[in-house]
Amino acid sequence: MNVSDDEKLTVLAADDVPENLDIVKNALTPEYRVKAAVNGRLALKIAKNQEIDLILLDVRMPEMDGYEVCQRLLETPSTANIPIIFLTGQDTISDEVLGLEMGAVDFIKKPINPGILKRRIDTQLELRATRKKLRVHNNYLEELVEEKTKEISDSRMAMIYALAQLAEARDKETGDHLIRTQKYCWYLANKVKDTGRYNAEVDINYCKNLYIASPLHDIGKVGISDSILLKPGDLTDDEFERVKQHTVIGCKLLKKVQKMYSENYLLEIGLDLIHYHHEKWNGEGYPEGLEKDEIPLAARIMAIADVYDALRSERPYKEAFTHEKSCKIIEEDSGTHFDPFLVNCFLEISGEFKTISQKNEAELEDYGDIPVSIQF
């Protein structure tokens, strides 16, 4: 086969016997470019400073034998992936085993048969080329999968946020409520993860899914009439009962989606958030009156994020509370409204909550090292 000089692969042959090097050169030229080294030290120098595709290494050489050269080549990042074939005059199984265990790809016995040598080298270089193509192809596939996964993730998150905005758009008082509570949930969930208390449930994927699903917590408000939702004054008892139904309305809405994606973990967390984020630790919340650990963990996390943001936000009926006063209120409601364990977690990272609460919408979007495709 005729190969241009630019296409030729380079074989480095190391042997202290010049006649053996001549045999190698005659067998491999002109298809391969052959570099020769008369000792191990020279072989190492050539391999480190030139682009070598395969190394033929004599086992028995003075000063530094082939095994030592092999070990040094494999320990050097720039030469560690070059295939090595040992040449030896020793006809013992133990030499072959040792060489292969060290990382050599093949073993050729002397006297060198040019035909066998050529065939063995062809095979190893074809394998190396195939592996290289496979790595390139796998890298391409990984990039393609990552790109498509990001597209799906971005589309999913954009849809979730668009749905959540429907509810927020009808309640002008909420402002950047969705973005802030999303950030609060992320940091509080990660604090819970770091404690190790809920190892069986809370990992990085749990935190991501909670982050993604949290904007849906008030989606049920789309089912509440404007006359009630946008009423400037106090609500009547009947009107407040109607507002409380947003948890049930939102749950029914998402359950229709869940029928199409029954194994979707994100939707499961979303349902917990929507249905139970107004439950209280002492059982006096709504809509089910659950208490303590009966309330899903995601909803208990959301409850603290939701209330903190409400306390820190200005409303027609109140001024925005300071961070310190908001923290004090949440701490005082530990064991009644809120899970005491989560309150302790919140207090430990309350500085993060304060920072988030002080940022505007543009600053919020880029705030935090959150490893999900889109940050809202």
Protein backbone atom coordinates (compact mmCIF):
# COMPACT_ATOMS: atom_id res chain seq x y z
CA MET A 1 0.00 0.00 0.00
CA ASN A 2 1.40 3.40 -1.02
CA VAL A 3 1.27 5.97 1.76
CA SER A 4 2.30 9.63 1.45
CA ASP A 5 4.94 10.94 3.82
CA ASP A 6 2.35 13.09 5.64
CA GLU A 7 0.13 10.05 6.25
CA LYS A 8 2.88 7.75 7.51
CA LEU A 9 2.70 6.61 11.12
CA THR A 10 5.90 6.60 13.16
CA VAL A 11 7.35 3.51 14.83
CA LEU A 12 10.15 3.87 17.38
CA ALA A 13 12.44 0.83 17.65
CA ALA A 14 14.77 0.53 20.65
CA ASP A 15 17.43 -2.19 20.53
CA ASP A 16 21.13 -2.23 21.39
CA VAL A 17 21.88 -4.55 18.44
CA PRO A 18 22.19 -2.55 15.17
CA GLU A 19 21.35 -5.61 13.04
CA ASN A 20 17.94 -5.88 14.71
CA LEU A 21 17.24 -2.21 14.00
CA ASP A 22 18.13 -2.81 10.34
CA ILE A 23 15.65 -5.68 10.17
CA VAL A 24 12.93 -3.46 11.60
CA LYS A 25 13.69 -0.62 9.17
CA ASN A 26 13.69 -2.93 6.14
CA ALA A 27 10.43 -4.60 7.22
CA LEU A 28 8.51 -1.40 7.90
CA THR A 29 9.88 1.00 5.28
CA PRO A 30 8.40 2.57 3.19
CA GLU A 31 4.90 2.15 4.76
CA TYR A 32 5.99 3.47 8.16
CA ARG A 33 8.37 6.15 9.34
CA VAL A 34 10.94 4.42 11.57
CA LYS A 35 12.92 6.05 14.38
CA ALA A 36 15.80 4.09 15.95
CA ALA A 37 17.26 4.19 19.47
CA VAL A 38 20.27 2.15 20.55
CA ASN A 39 19.41 2.30 24.26
CA GLY A 40 16.55 2.93 26.63
CA ARG A 41 17.47 6.49 27.59
CA LEU A 42 17.53 7.60 23.96
CA ALA A 43 14.18 5.86 23.37
CA LEU A 44 12.61 7.81 26.24
CA LYS A 45 13.98 11.10 24.90
CA ILE A 46 12.64 10.46 21.38
CA ALA A 47 9.23 9.32 22.67
CA LYS A 48 8.83 12.43 24.83
CA ASN A 49 9.90 14.91 22.13
CA GLN A 50 8.40 13.45 18.95
CA GLU A 51 5.03 12.11 17.89
CA ILE A 52 5.31 8.33 18.09
CA ASP A 53 2.49 5.93 17.18
CA LEU A 54 4.03 2.63 18.36
CA ILE A 55 7.18 1.52 20.17
CA LEU A 56 9.17 -1.67 19.62
CA LEU A 57 11.15 -2.26 22.78
CA ASP A 58 13.98 -4.76 23.30
CA VAL A 59 13.75 -6.35 26.75
CA ARG A 60 17.48 -6.91 27.31
CA MET A 61 19.39 -3.64 26.98
CA PRO A 62 22.33 -2.36 29.07
CA GLU A 63 21.91 0.34 31.73
CA MET A 64 18.12 0.48 31.38
CA ASP A 65 16.22 -2.63 30.28
CA GLY A 66 12.96 -2.64 28.34
CA TYR A 67 10.81 -3.16 31.43
CA GLU A 68 12.11 0.02 33.07
CA VAL A 69 11.67 1.98 29.84
CA CYS A 70 8.12 0.65 29.57
CA GLN A 71 7.31 1.67 33.13
CA ARG A 72 8.63 5.21 32.59
CA LEU A 73 6.70 5.57 29.34
CA LEU A 74 3.47 4.50 31.02
CA GLU A 75 4.07 6.88 33.94
CA THR A 76 4.45 9.88 31.62
CA PRO A 77 1.12 11.37 30.48
CA SER A 78 2.41 12.32 27.01
CA THR A 79 3.60 8.74 26.28
CA ALA A 80 1.24 6.64 28.42
CA ASN A 81 -1.10 5.77 25.55
CA ILE A 82 1.52 4.72 23.01
CA PRO A 83 1.21 0.95 22.34
CA ILE A 84 4.38 -1.00 23.22
CA ILE A 85 5.50 -4.30 21.68
CA PHE A 86 8.36 -6.11 23.42
CA LEU A 87 11.15 -7.79 21.45
CA THR A 88 12.98 -10.56 23.28
CA GLY A 89 15.34 -13.42 22.72
CA GLN A 90 14.17 -15.07 25.93
CA ASP A 91 11.78 -17.92 25.22
CA THR A 92 10.09 -17.96 28.60
CA ILE A 93 6.44 -17.58 29.51
CA SER A 94 7.33 -15.51 32.60
CA ASP A 95 8.93 -12.77 30.45
CA GLU A 96 5.80 -12.53 28.33
CA VAL A 97 3.50 -12.45 31.34
CA LEU A 98 5.58 -9.74 33.01
CA GLY A 99 5.64 -7.61 29.88
CA LEU A 100 1.90 -7.89 29.28
CA GLU A 101 1.14 -7.20 32.93
CA MET A 102 3.21 -4.02 32.72
CA GLY A 103 1.02 -2.78 29.88
CA ALA A 104 2.63 -3.99 26.64
CA VAL A 105 0.15 -4.90 23.89
CA ASP A 106 2.20 -7.73 22.33
CA PHE A 107 5.38 -9.78 22.54
CA ILE A 108 7.58 -10.78 19.56
CA LYS A 109 10.41 -13.29 19.91
CA LYS A 110 13.80 -13.01 18.27
CA PRO A 111 15.15 -13.71 15.76
CA ILE A 112 12.77 -11.21 14.20
CA ASN A 113 10.66 -12.48 11.34
CA PRO A 114 9.97 -9.42 9.12
CA GLY A 115 6.60 -10.75 7.94
CA ILE A 116 5.36 -11.47 11.46
CA LEU A 117 6.70 -8.12 12.70
CA LYS A 118 4.87 -6.24 9.95
CA ARG A 119 1.60 -8.08 10.58
CA ARG A 120 1.70 -7.51 14.33
CA ILE A 121 2.42 -3.81 13.93
CA ASP A 122 -0.30 -3.40 11.30
CA THR A 123 -2.80 -5.04 13.67
CA GLN A 124 -1.89 -2.88 16.66
CA LEU A 125 -1.93 0.37 14.70
CA GLU A 126 -5.27 -0.53 13.11
CA LEU A 127 -6.64 -1.19 16.59
CA ARG A 128 -5.27 2.13 17.80
CA ALA A 129 -6.83 3.97 14.84
CA THR A 130 -10.15 2.23 15.49
CA ARG A 131 -10.06 3.14 19.18
CA LYS A 132 -9.26 6.74 18.28
CA LYS A 133 -12.20 6.89 15.86
CA LEU A 134 -14.41 5.30 18.50
CA ARG A 135 -13.34 7.90 21.08
CA VAL A 136 -14.06 10.71 18.65
CA HIS A 137 -17.43 9.18 17.79
CA ASN A 138 -18.28 8.65 21.46
CA ASN A 139 -17.32 12.23 22.25
CA TYR A 140 -19.58 13.38 19.43
CA LEU A 141 -22.44 11.23 20.72
CA GLU A 142 -21.93 12.52 24.27
CA GLU A 143 -21.99 16.11 23.02
CA LEU A 144 -25.09 15.36 20.95
CA VAL A 145 -26.87 13.71 23.88
CA GLU A 146 -25.86 16.59 26.15
CA GLU A 147 -27.14 19.10 23.60
CA LYS A 148 -30.46 17.29 23.11
CA THR A 149 -30.84 16.78 26.86
CA LYS A 150 -30.28 20.49 27.38
CA GLU A 151 -32.87 21.29 24.71
CA ILE A 152 -35.41 19.03 26.40
CA SER A 153 -34.52 20.38 29.84
CA ASP A 154 -34.71 23.97 28.66
CA SER A 155 -38.07 23.37 26.98
CA ARG A 156 -39.43 21.60 30.06
CA MET A 157 -38.28 24.32 32.40
CA ALA A 158 -39.53 27.09 30.11
CA MET A 159 -42.94 25.42 30.01
CA ILE A 160 -43.03 25.05 33.80
CA TYR A 161 -42.08 28.67 34.29
CA ALA A 162 -44.63 29.85 31.70
CA LEU A 163 -47.36 27.95 33.53
CA ALA A 164 -46.26 29.37 36.85
CA GLN A 165 -46.24 32.88 35.40
CA LEU A 166 -49.92 32.49 34.51
CA ALA A 167 -50.71 32.42 38.20
CA GLU A 168 -48.23 35.13 39.10
CA ALA A 169 -49.49 37.44 36.34
CA ARG A 170 -52.91 37.48 38.01
CA ASP A 171 -51.47 38.42 41.38
CA LYS A 172 -49.41 41.58 40.90
CA GLU A 173 -48.31 41.67 44.52
CA THR A 174 -46.03 38.68 44.08
CA GLY A 175 -43.40 40.56 42.02
CA ASP A 176 -40.30 38.36 41.73
CA HIS A 177 -41.77 35.88 44.20
CA LEU A 178 -41.27 32.87 41.94
CA ILE A 179 -37.61 33.58 41.30
CA ARG A 180 -36.79 34.30 44.92
CA THR A 181 -38.62 31.29 46.35
CA GLN A 182 -36.93 29.11 43.77
CA LYS A 183 -33.52 30.27 45.00
CA TYR A 184 -34.57 29.87 48.65
CA CYS A 185 -35.69 26.29 48.00
CA TRP A 186 -32.39 25.47 46.29
CA TYR A 187 -30.22 26.65 49.16
CA LEU A 188 -32.42 25.21 51.90
CA ALA A 189 -32.64 21.82 50.16
CA ASN A 190 -28.86 21.72 49.75
CA LYS A 191 -28.42 22.54 53.43
CA VAL A 192 -30.72 19.59 54.25
CA LYS A 193 -28.65 17.39 51.92
CA ASP A 194 -25.43 18.41 53.63
CA THR A 195 -26.75 17.43 57.06
CA GLY A 196 -27.20 13.82 55.88
CA ARG A 197 -30.45 13.47 57.81
CA TYR A 198 -32.45 12.55 54.71
CA ASN A 199 -29.77 10.66 52.79
CA ALA A 200 -32.28 8.18 51.36
CA GLU A 201 -34.33 10.98 49.85
CA VAL A 202 -32.31 14.14 49.39
CA ASP A 203 -29.46 14.11 46.89
CA ILE A 204 -28.36 16.57 44.22
CA ASN A 205 -31.11 15.38 41.84
CA TYR A 206 -33.72 15.98 44.53
CA CYS A 207 -32.41 19.53 44.94
CA LYS A 208 -32.48 20.12 41.19
CA ASN A 209 -36.02 18.81 40.80
CA LEU A 210 -37.23 20.85 43.75
CA TYR A 211 -35.61 23.92 42.22
CA ILE A 212 -37.26 23.29 38.86
CA ALA A 213 -40.71 22.48 40.26
CA SER A 214 -40.93 25.18 42.93
CA PRO A 215 -42.39 27.90 40.64
CA LEU A 216 -45.49 25.71 40.28
CA HIS A 217 -46.48 25.93 43.94
CA ASP A 218 -49.23 28.53 43.32
CA ILE A 219 -50.33 27.37 39.87
CA GLY A 220 -53.79 26.66 41.29
CA LYS A 221 -54.42 30.41 41.54
CA VAL A 222 -55.42 30.33 37.88
CA GLY A 223 -58.68 28.82 39.14
CA ILE A 224 -59.43 31.64 41.58
CA SER A 225 -61.61 34.50 40.31
CA ASP A 226 -60.09 37.96 39.91
CA SER A 227 -62.71 39.44 42.22
CA ILE A 228 -61.22 37.40 45.05
CA LEU A 229 -57.57 37.11 44.04
CA LEU A 230 -57.18 40.81 43.27
CA LYS A 231 -59.43 42.14 46.03
CA PRO A 232 -57.65 45.10 47.69
CA GLY A 233 -59.31 44.73 51.08
CA ASP A 234 -59.74 41.95 53.60
CA LEU A 235 -61.27 38.69 52.39
CA THR A 236 -64.44 37.29 53.88
CA ASP A 237 -64.34 33.86 55.44
CA ASP A 238 -65.97 32.39 52.34
CA GLU A 239 -63.52 34.16 50.05
CA PHE A 240 -60.56 32.93 52.08
CA GLU A 241 -61.90 29.38 51.89
CA ARG A 242 -62.05 29.80 48.13
CA VAL A 243 -58.43 31.04 48.01
CA LYS A 244 -57.34 28.01 50.02
CA GLN A 245 -58.68 25.84 47.22
CA HIS A 246 -55.79 26.89 44.98
CA THR A 247 -53.81 23.97 46.46
CA VAL A 248 -56.48 21.49 45.36
CA ILE A 249 -57.05 23.13 41.97
CA GLY A 250 -53.32 23.11 41.20
CA CYS A 251 -52.98 19.50 42.29
CA LYS A 252 -55.82 18.40 39.99
CA LEU A 253 -54.26 20.31 37.11
CA LEU A 254 -50.85 18.69 37.50
CA LYS A 255 -52.33 15.23 38.03
CA LYS A 256 -53.76 15.41 34.52
CA VAL A 257 -50.23 15.94 33.25
CA GLN A 258 -48.92 13.15 35.47
CA LYS A 259 -51.24 10.63 33.80
CA MET A 260 -49.18 11.06 30.63
CA TYR A 261 -45.84 10.89 32.50
CA SER A 262 -46.56 8.56 35.40
CA GLU A 263 -42.91 7.86 36.29
CA ASN A 264 -41.79 11.49 36.26
CA TYR A 265 -40.05 12.30 39.54
CA LEU A 266 -40.19 16.03 38.84
CA LEU A 267 -44.00 15.90 38.67
CA GLU A 268 -44.15 13.99 41.95
CA ILE A 269 -42.23 16.74 43.71
CA GLY A 270 -44.38 19.34 41.94
CA LEU A 271 -47.55 17.69 43.24
CA ASP A 272 -46.19 17.66 46.79
CA LEU A 273 -45.31 21.35 46.56
CA ILE A 274 -48.65 22.42 45.10
CA HIS A 275 -50.90 20.38 47.35
CA TYR A 276 -49.16 20.63 50.71
CA HIS A 277 -47.12 23.85 50.94
CA HIS A 278 -49.78 25.41 53.24
CA GLU A 279 -49.84 22.49 55.68
CA LYS A 280 -48.47 23.20 59.15
CA TRP A 281 -46.25 21.14 61.43
CA ASN A 282 -48.94 21.12 64.16
CA GLY A 283 -51.67 19.88 61.80
CA GLU A 284 -53.58 23.16 61.59
CA GLY A 285 -52.78 23.93 57.97
CA TYR A 286 -54.70 23.15 54.78
CA PRO A 287 -56.01 21.45 52.66
CA GLU A 288 -55.58 18.07 54.40
CA GLY A 289 -54.58 19.02 57.95
CA LEU A 290 -51.46 16.86 57.83
CA GLU A 291 -48.93 17.14 60.63
CA LYS A 292 -45.21 16.64 61.15
CA ASP A 293 -43.59 14.06 58.85
CA GLU A 294 -46.93 13.33 57.18
CA ILE A 295 -46.25 16.52 55.24
CA PRO A 296 -43.90 15.81 52.31
CA LEU A 297 -40.41 17.22 52.86
CA ALA A 298 -40.54 19.30 49.66
CA ALA A 299 -43.69 21.05 50.90
CA ARG A 300 -42.12 21.73 54.30
CA ILE A 301 -39.13 23.34 52.58
CA MET A 302 -41.43 25.34 50.32
CA ALA A 303 -43.44 26.55 53.33
CA ILE A 304 -40.39 28.29 54.83
CA ALA A 305 -39.35 29.79 51.48
CA ASP A 306 -42.89 30.98 50.77
CA VAL A 307 -43.50 32.56 54.18
CA TYR A 308 -40.06 34.20 54.35
CA ASP A 309 -40.66 35.86 51.00
CA ALA A 310 -44.14 37.01 52.04
CA LEU A 311 -42.73 38.53 55.23
CA ARG A 312 -39.98 40.33 53.33
CA SER A 313 -42.39 41.70 50.69
CA GLU A 314 -44.50 44.82 50.87
CA ARG A 315 -48.27 44.30 50.72
CA PRO A 316 -51.22 46.76 50.70
CA TYR A 317 -51.93 45.72 54.25
CA LYS A 318 -48.33 45.78 55.58
CA GLU A 319 -44.82 47.03 55.04
CA ALA A 320 -41.96 44.67 54.17
CA PHE A 321 -40.45 43.24 57.35
CA THR A 322 -36.72 43.32 57.93
CA HIS A 323 -34.70 40.16 57.48
CA GLU A 324 -34.12 39.97 61.21
CA LYS A 325 -37.81 40.29 62.07
CA SER A 326 -38.73 37.72 59.41
CA CYS A 327 -36.21 35.24 60.82
CA LYS A 328 -37.54 35.84 64.33
CA ILE A 329 -41.12 35.13 63.22
CA ILE A 330 -40.10 31.89 61.52
CA GLU A 331 -38.04 30.86 64.55
CA GLU A 332 -41.01 31.55 66.85
CA ASP A 333 -43.24 29.39 64.62
CA SER A 334 -40.85 26.44 64.82
CA GLY A 335 -42.81 23.40 65.96
CA THR A 336 -46.17 25.01 65.17
CA HIS A 337 -46.12 26.19 61.56
CA PHE A 338 -42.70 24.88 60.54
CA ASP A 339 -40.59 21.74 60.87
CA PRO A 340 -38.10 22.52 63.70
CA PHE A 341 -35.26 20.75 61.89
CA LEU A 342 -35.81 22.83 58.76
CA VAL A 343 -36.03 26.01 60.80
CA ASN A 344 -32.59 25.26 62.24
CA CYS A 345 -31.27 24.67 58.72
CA PHE A 346 -32.86 27.94 57.59
CA LEU A 347 -31.31 29.92 60.43
CA GLU A 348 -27.85 28.56 59.60
CA ILE A 349 -28.09 29.84 56.02
CA SER A 350 -30.38 32.82 56.60
CA GLY A 351 -27.67 35.13 55.29
CA GLU A 352 -28.14 33.57 51.86
CA PHE A 353 -31.88 34.29 52.09
CA LYS A 354 -31.15 37.90 53.01
CA THR A 355 -28.83 38.34 50.02
CA ILE A 356 -31.42 36.89 47.62
CA SER A 357 -34.22 39.04 49.06
CA GLN A 358 -32.24 42.22 48.33
CA LYS A 359 -31.59 41.52 44.65
CA ASN A 360 -33.64 42.75 41.70
CA GLU A 361 -34.95 40.50 38.92
CA ALA A 362 -31.90 40.88 36.64
CA GLU A 363 -29.51 40.17 39.51
CA LEU A 364 -31.55 37.19 40.69
CA GLU A 365 -31.42 35.41 37.34
CA ASP A 366 -27.64 35.12 37.46
CA TYR A 367 -27.28 34.60 41.19
CA GLY A 368 -26.03 31.31 42.59
CA ASP A 369 -24.03 28.36 41.30
CA ILE A 370 -27.03 26.24 40.35
CA PRO A 371 -26.21 23.26 38.05
CA VAL A 372 -29.38 23.16 35.97
CA SER A 373 -29.82 24.18 32.36
CA ILE A 374 -31.89 27.32 32.94
CA GLN A 375 -31.92 29.68 35.89
CA PHE A 376 -35.13 31.71 36.11
